[in-house]
């Protein structure tokens, strides 16, 4: 319903998140009632990209790429997507071109990019470099600017990586990153290992422990199992579910049906949405005029942050009651200024 409100047809890349009692991010499962997933606290959601397409150029519609750009700009600003000075300036200049169009000396003053935010610690030097680059893009359309933005953003090492705190077998703090290609291991912000999905035979969890079973290598005879310690049982299950969803979405042609019966051992959870292969097939059948939309998030985004300290993707549904449909209709009518 949110994607329908936003006029998004390539909706499978997006989702709604909420924070649990431990302030940990969870993805709302569209196949279950909201009240069964959020038992305490207010119903506050964020609309976000769930699956980052490895090749954004394969997205069919400009509006889909636009919302992916907005998510990446938020990732950059929050520090989730680290960039060098050069990359911050390049991506920032494409964002400015997409929103403002060609540089116009009569319209744009000496500080015309100061209302934009590109980096966690933005400097005047960065803004000046963004303006220098922006002035060279004469004739570049907003859609072309966003394609250039995405072509550069997708090359970043942390593009689309969902990070989870953990400890290795020696008790050392690490981060486990889930992405389109597999599972990544980080220590002190450096990637120390990578397990591609074809290399992983099985993923499982027990209490606060998370396990991956690895296919034997060329010179190995037996499978090996690697274990990690998560902060608690909920964190371990959350990571397991994220892995299941990413593997299904990016690797399978269609989702696996959940196991049936009363004697099923372990979780019945399976990813229930369309896979990337299925959404690409559906996207190829899109037959409508290109949707018209306004690319001018910066002013409203800055205003909303200054008023309530929130990001542009927050949707608040606190205190509402009734059926899920009624609740969603209510917040769509009142609160989805998120990326609008």
Protein backbone atom coordinates (compact mmCIF):
# COMPACT_ATOMS: atom_id res chain seq x y z
CA UNK A 1 0.00 0.00 0.00
CA UNK A 2 2.91 2.34 0.67
CA UNK A 3 4.41 1.53 -2.73
CA UNK A 4 1.03 2.08 -4.34
CA UNK A 5 0.83 5.49 -2.66
CA UNK A 6 4.33 6.32 -3.94
CA UNK A 7 3.45 5.02 -7.43
CA UNK A 8 6.18 2.35 -7.29
CA UNK A 9 5.62 -0.80 -9.34
CA UNK A 10 9.08 -2.33 -8.80
CA UNK A 11 8.18 -2.69 -5.14
CA UNK A 12 10.01 -5.88 -4.26
CA UNK A 13 13.26 -4.07 -3.51
CA UNK A 14 11.62 -2.06 -0.70
CA UNK A 15 10.17 -2.75 2.73
CA UNK A 16 9.09 -1.25 6.04
CA UNK A 17 11.28 -1.42 9.14
CA UNK A 18 10.45 -1.00 12.81
CA UNK A 19 12.48 -1.07 16.01
CA UNK A 20 11.83 -3.70 18.67
CA UNK A 21 12.07 -3.32 22.45
CA UNK A 22 15.87 -3.52 22.19
CA UNK A 23 15.92 -0.71 19.59
CA UNK A 24 17.03 -3.19 16.93
CA UNK A 25 15.84 -2.82 13.35
CA UNK A 26 13.43 -5.45 12.06
CA UNK A 27 11.74 -5.84 8.69
CA UNK A 28 7.96 -5.93 8.77
CA UNK A 29 6.72 -9.23 7.34
CA UNK A 30 3.90 -8.37 4.91
CA UNK A 31 2.48 -11.89 5.22
CA UNK A 32 1.68 -11.44 8.93
CA UNK A 33 -0.54 -9.05 10.84
CA UNK A 34 1.26 -6.00 12.21
CA UNK A 35 -0.16 -6.47 15.72
CA UNK A 36 1.47 -9.93 15.90
CA UNK A 37 4.88 -8.46 15.05
CA UNK A 38 4.79 -5.32 17.20
CA UNK A 39 3.35 -6.29 20.56
CA UNK A 40 4.57 -3.31 22.58
CA UNK A 41 5.34 0.32 21.80
CA UNK A 42 4.17 2.64 19.06
CA UNK A 43 3.74 1.62 15.46
CA UNK A 44 6.52 3.61 13.85
CA UNK A 45 7.90 2.50 10.51
CA UNK A 46 10.57 3.57 8.06
CA UNK A 47 10.22 2.96 4.34
CA UNK A 48 13.57 1.71 3.07
CA UNK A 49 15.40 -0.29 0.44
CA UNK A 50 15.60 -3.91 1.60
CA UNK A 51 17.37 -5.51 -1.36
CA UNK A 52 19.97 -3.33 -3.10
CA UNK A 53 20.12 -4.35 -6.78
CA UNK A 54 23.71 -5.21 -7.78
CA UNK A 55 23.10 -3.57 -11.16
CA UNK A 56 20.67 -0.63 -10.73
CA UNK A 57 20.67 -0.02 -14.49
CA UNK A 58 18.42 -3.08 -14.80
CA UNK A 59 15.65 -1.27 -12.93
CA UNK A 60 13.01 -0.37 -15.49
CA UNK A 61 11.58 2.90 -14.17
CA UNK A 62 13.22 6.20 -13.29
CA UNK A 63 11.05 6.52 -10.18
CA UNK A 64 12.49 3.27 -8.76
CA UNK A 65 16.04 4.52 -9.32
CA UNK A 66 15.07 7.83 -7.69
CA UNK A 67 14.00 6.13 -4.45
CA UNK A 68 17.12 3.97 -4.48
CA UNK A 69 19.17 7.17 -4.80
CA UNK A 70 17.34 8.66 -1.82
CA UNK A 71 18.16 5.59 0.27
CA UNK A 72 21.82 5.73 -0.72
CA UNK A 73 22.00 9.43 0.10
CA UNK A 74 20.62 8.62 3.54
CA UNK A 75 23.15 5.76 3.87
CA UNK A 76 25.98 8.16 3.03
CA UNK A 77 24.74 10.81 5.42
CA UNK A 78 24.34 8.35 8.31
CA UNK A 79 27.77 6.81 7.75
CA UNK A 80 26.40 3.39 6.79
CA UNK A 81 27.92 3.86 3.34
CA UNK A 82 31.47 5.19 3.88
CA UNK A 83 32.90 7.25 1.03
CA UNK A 84 36.12 9.07 0.31
CA UNK A 85 36.13 12.84 -0.18
CA UNK A 86 36.31 12.35 -3.94
CA UNK A 87 33.33 9.97 -3.99
CA UNK A 88 31.26 12.16 -1.67
CA UNK A 89 31.85 15.09 -4.03
CA UNK A 90 31.06 13.09 -7.17
CA UNK A 91 27.85 11.56 -5.81
CA UNK A 92 26.85 14.88 -4.28
CA UNK A 93 27.25 16.66 -7.60
CA UNK A 94 24.99 14.14 -9.36
CA UNK A 95 22.38 14.57 -6.60
CA UNK A 96 22.46 18.34 -7.11
CA UNK A 97 22.12 17.94 -10.88
CA UNK A 98 19.14 15.62 -10.43
CA UNK A 99 17.34 18.11 -8.18
CA UNK A 100 18.35 21.50 -9.55
CA UNK A 101 19.23 20.78 -13.16
CA UNK A 102 21.92 22.78 -14.95
CA UNK A 103 23.88 25.41 -13.08
CA UNK A 104 22.44 28.89 -13.61
CA UNK A 105 24.54 31.82 -12.38
CA UNK A 106 21.44 34.03 -12.20
CA UNK A 107 19.52 31.56 -10.04
CA UNK A 108 22.23 29.85 -8.00
CA UNK A 109 24.14 31.94 -5.49
CA UNK A 110 27.63 31.29 -4.09
CA UNK A 111 26.31 28.84 -1.45
CA UNK A 112 23.53 27.15 -3.40
CA UNK A 113 24.55 23.63 -2.33
CA UNK A 114 24.71 24.44 1.38
CA UNK A 115 21.10 23.24 1.79
CA UNK A 116 22.13 19.76 0.61
CA UNK A 117 23.74 17.19 2.88
CA UNK A 118 26.18 14.74 1.36
CA UNK A 119 28.39 13.57 4.23
CA UNK A 120 28.24 13.11 8.03
CA UNK A 121 30.90 15.81 8.52
CA UNK A 122 30.30 18.10 5.58
CA UNK A 123 32.88 20.81 4.97
CA UNK A 124 32.98 23.95 2.88
CA UNK A 125 35.75 22.34 0.83
CA UNK A 126 33.42 19.48 -0.08
CA UNK A 127 30.62 21.86 -1.05
CA UNK A 128 32.97 23.84 -3.29
CA UNK A 129 34.11 20.66 -5.04
CA UNK A 130 30.46 19.60 -5.55
CA UNK A 131 29.72 22.98 -7.15
CA UNK A 132 32.76 22.70 -9.43
CA UNK A 133 31.58 19.31 -10.70
CA UNK A 134 27.93 20.35 -10.96
CA UNK A 135 28.79 23.26 -13.27
CA UNK A 136 30.25 20.79 -15.80
CA UNK A 137 27.04 18.77 -16.21
CA UNK A 138 25.23 21.08 -18.60
CA UNK A 139 22.51 19.24 -20.50
CA UNK A 140 22.44 16.20 -18.21
CA UNK A 141 18.85 15.19 -17.41
CA UNK A 142 17.76 14.28 -13.84
CA UNK A 143 17.34 10.62 -14.84
CA UNK A 144 20.84 10.56 -16.37
CA UNK A 145 22.28 12.15 -13.22
CA UNK A 146 20.66 9.45 -11.08
CA UNK A 147 21.97 6.68 -13.33
CA UNK A 148 25.49 8.14 -13.00
CA UNK A 149 24.97 8.39 -9.22
CA UNK A 150 23.98 4.72 -8.99
CA UNK A 151 26.73 3.50 -11.32
CA UNK A 152 29.30 4.99 -8.96
CA UNK A 153 27.52 4.12 -5.69
CA UNK A 154 27.19 0.42 -6.58
CA UNK A 155 31.00 0.13 -6.70
CA UNK A 156 31.41 1.12 -3.04
CA UNK A 157 32.52 -1.76 -0.83
CA UNK A 158 29.65 -1.28 1.65
CA UNK A 159 26.91 -0.85 -0.96
CA UNK A 160 23.86 -2.82 0.15
CA UNK A 161 25.59 -4.49 3.11
CA UNK A 162 23.35 -5.15 6.14
CA UNK A 163 25.64 -5.24 9.20
CA UNK A 164 25.13 -7.26 12.40
CA UNK A 165 27.27 -7.19 15.57
CA UNK A 166 28.82 -10.55 16.52
CA UNK A 167 31.85 -12.26 18.05
CA UNK A 168 34.01 -14.90 16.39
CA UNK A 169 35.06 -18.23 17.94
CA UNK A 170 37.82 -16.44 19.87
CA UNK A 171 35.45 -13.87 21.34
CA UNK A 172 36.74 -11.01 19.17
CA UNK A 173 34.22 -8.37 18.11
CA UNK A 174 33.36 -8.55 14.43
CA UNK A 175 30.56 -7.50 12.10
CA UNK A 176 28.66 -9.89 9.87
CA UNK A 177 27.46 -8.29 6.65
CA UNK A 178 24.68 -9.75 4.50
CA UNK A 179 24.45 -8.64 0.87
CA UNK A 180 23.41 -9.81 -2.59
CA UNK A 181 26.54 -11.90 -3.08
CA UNK A 182 26.79 -13.62 0.29
CA UNK A 183 28.05 -13.19 3.85
CA UNK A 184 30.94 -10.84 4.67
CA UNK A 185 33.08 -10.74 7.82
CA UNK A 186 34.51 -7.43 9.10
CA UNK A 187 36.96 -6.66 11.89
CA UNK A 188 37.91 -3.09 12.76
CA UNK A 189 35.98 -1.88 9.70
CA UNK A 190 38.10 -4.07 7.37
CA UNK A 191 36.70 -7.05 5.50
CA UNK A 192 38.60 -10.16 6.54
CA UNK A 193 36.55 -12.88 4.85
CA UNK A 194 33.79 -13.46 2.33
CA UNK A 195 31.50 -16.44 1.84
CA UNK A 196 29.57 -16.33 -1.43
CA UNK A 197 26.11 -17.90 -1.38
CA UNK A 198 27.17 -20.85 -3.60
CA UNK A 199 29.90 -21.61 -1.05
CA UNK A 200 27.42 -21.83 1.85
CA UNK A 201 25.58 -25.13 2.16
CA UNK A 202 23.47 -24.31 5.22
CA UNK A 203 22.78 -21.48 7.64
CA UNK A 204 21.29 -22.09 11.08
CA UNK A 205 21.04 -20.69 14.58
CA UNK A 206 20.63 -22.03 18.10
CA UNK A 207 20.01 -19.68 20.98
CA UNK A 208 22.51 -16.83 20.45
CA UNK A 209 24.77 -18.87 18.16
CA UNK A 210 24.75 -18.51 14.38
CA UNK A 211 26.29 -21.15 12.12
CA UNK A 212 27.23 -21.47 8.46
CA UNK A 213 28.18 -24.79 6.87
CA UNK A 214 30.78 -24.31 4.15
CA UNK A 215 31.18 -26.40 1.01
CA UNK A 216 34.60 -28.13 0.89
CA UNK A 217 37.23 -26.40 -1.21
CA UNK A 218 39.16 -27.80 -4.13
CA UNK A 219 41.72 -29.48 -1.88
CA UNK A 220 39.38 -30.26 1.02
CA UNK A 221 37.47 -33.48 1.65
CA UNK A 222 34.91 -32.49 4.24
CA UNK A 223 32.43 -29.73 4.89
CA UNK A 224 33.24 -27.27 7.66
CA UNK A 225 31.00 -25.35 10.05
CA UNK A 226 31.84 -21.88 11.33
CA UNK A 227 30.07 -20.46 14.37
CA UNK A 228 29.51 -16.91 15.59
CA UNK A 229 28.12 -15.51 18.83
CA UNK A 230 25.36 -12.93 18.54
CA UNK A 231 24.26 -10.61 21.39
CA UNK A 232 21.14 -12.71 22.11
CA UNK A 233 18.70 -15.21 20.63
CA UNK A 234 16.62 -12.54 18.89
CA UNK A 235 19.69 -11.10 17.17
CA UNK A 236 20.73 -14.57 16.01
CA UNK A 237 17.29 -15.31 14.57
CA UNK A 238 17.15 -11.85 12.97
CA UNK A 239 20.45 -12.44 11.16
CA UNK A 240 19.29 -15.90 10.05
CA UNK A 241 16.09 -14.43 8.59
CA UNK A 242 18.00 -11.70 6.74
CA UNK A 243 20.28 -14.36 5.24
CA UNK A 244 17.30 -16.51 4.20
CA UNK A 245 15.65 -13.53 2.52
CA UNK A 246 18.76 -12.32 0.70
CA UNK A 247 19.69 -15.79 -0.52
CA UNK A 248 16.16 -16.45 -1.75
CA UNK A 249 15.73 -13.06 -3.40
CA UNK A 250 19.04 -12.96 -5.25
CA UNK A 251 19.81 -16.65 -5.87
CA UNK A 252 16.54 -18.52 -6.40
CA UNK A 253 14.14 -18.37 -9.33
CA UNK A 254 11.14 -18.65 -7.00
CA UNK A 255 10.71 -18.79 -3.20
CA UNK A 256 10.66 -22.12 -1.40
CA UNK A 257 7.29 -22.90 0.22
CA UNK A 258 7.29 -23.02 4.03
CA UNK A 259 7.26 -26.52 5.53
CA UNK A 260 3.86 -27.87 6.53
CA UNK A 261 2.69 -30.01 9.41
CA UNK A 262 2.97 -30.03 13.19
CA UNK A 263 6.24 -31.96 13.43
CA UNK A 264 8.45 -29.43 11.65
CA UNK A 265 11.77 -28.98 13.45
CA UNK A 266 13.05 -25.41 13.58
CA UNK A 267 11.53 -22.24 12.21
CA UNK A 268 8.90 -22.36 9.45
CA UNK A 269 10.00 -18.95 8.21
CA UNK A 270 10.61 -18.58 4.49
CA UNK A 271 10.84 -15.50 2.29
CA UNK A 272 7.37 -15.03 0.86
CA UNK A 273 7.86 -12.23 -1.68
CA UNK A 274 8.96 -12.31 -5.29
CA UNK A 275 12.58 -13.07 -6.11
CA UNK A 276 14.74 -10.75 -8.17
CA UNK A 277 14.23 -13.02 -11.17
CA UNK A 278 10.45 -12.78 -10.77
CA UNK A 279 10.41 -9.03 -10.25
CA UNK A 280 12.53 -8.53 -13.37
CA UNK A 281 10.05 -10.59 -15.35
CA UNK A 282 7.20 -8.51 -13.96
CA UNK A 283 9.08 -5.26 -14.61
CA UNK A 284 9.57 -6.19 -18.25
CA UNK A 285 5.77 -6.20 -18.60
CA UNK A 286 5.30 -2.68 -17.21
CA UNK A 287 3.37 -0.73 -19.78
CA UNK A 288 2.58 2.78 -18.63
CA UNK A 289 3.79 6.31 -19.32
CA UNK A 290 6.77 7.26 -17.18
CA UNK A 291 5.38 8.57 -13.85
CA UNK A 292 5.84 12.28 -13.20
CA UNK A 293 7.41 13.11 -9.84
CA UNK A 294 9.28 15.99 -8.25
CA UNK A 295 12.93 15.61 -7.32
CA UNK A 296 13.23 18.13 -4.51
CA UNK A 297 13.78 16.24 -1.30
CA UNK A 298 16.53 18.41 0.18
CA UNK A 299 14.58 21.41 1.42
CA UNK A 300 11.78 19.35 2.96
CA UNK A 301 14.26 16.83 4.31
CA UNK A 302 16.31 19.47 6.08
CA UNK A 303 13.17 21.16 7.38
CA UNK A 304 11.76 17.93 8.77
CA UNK A 305 15.07 17.06 10.44
CA UNK A 306 15.29 20.50 12.02
CA UNK A 307 11.71 20.24 13.31
CA UNK A 308 11.66 16.74 14.74
CA UNK A 309 15.16 15.32 14.36
CA UNK A 310 13.90 12.49 12.16
CA UNK A 311 15.03 11.17 8.80
CA UNK A 312 13.04 11.51 5.62
CA UNK A 313 11.89 7.91 5.74
CA UNK A 314 10.07 7.96 9.09
CA UNK A 315 6.38 7.17 9.21
CA UNK A 316 4.69 7.44 12.62
CA UNK A 317 1.55 5.47 13.47
CA UNK A 318 1.62 5.82 17.24
CA UNK A 319 -1.58 5.29 19.14
CA UNK A 320 -3.66 3.96 16.26
CA UNK A 321 -5.90 0.94 16.66
CA UNK A 322 -8.16 -1.25 14.56
CA UNK A 323 -7.43 -3.56 11.69
CA UNK A 324 -4.11 -3.43 9.84
CA UNK A 325 -5.87 -2.09 6.75
CA UNK A 326 -7.46 0.74 8.67
CA UNK A 327 -4.18 1.61 10.34
CA UNK A 328 -2.27 1.63 7.07
CA UNK A 329 -4.92 3.74 5.36
CA UNK A 330 -4.82 6.16 8.25
CA UNK A 331 -1.07 6.69 8.15
CA UNK A 332 -1.01 6.80 4.37
CA UNK A 333 -3.52 9.64 4.49
CA UNK A 334 -1.74 11.54 7.24
CA UNK A 335 1.93 10.69 7.48
CA UNK A 336 3.44 9.47 4.25
CA UNK A 337 5.27 12.63 3.47
CA UNK A 338 8.31 10.41 3.94
CA UNK A 339 9.77 10.54 0.44
CA UNK A 340 6.88 12.24 -1.30
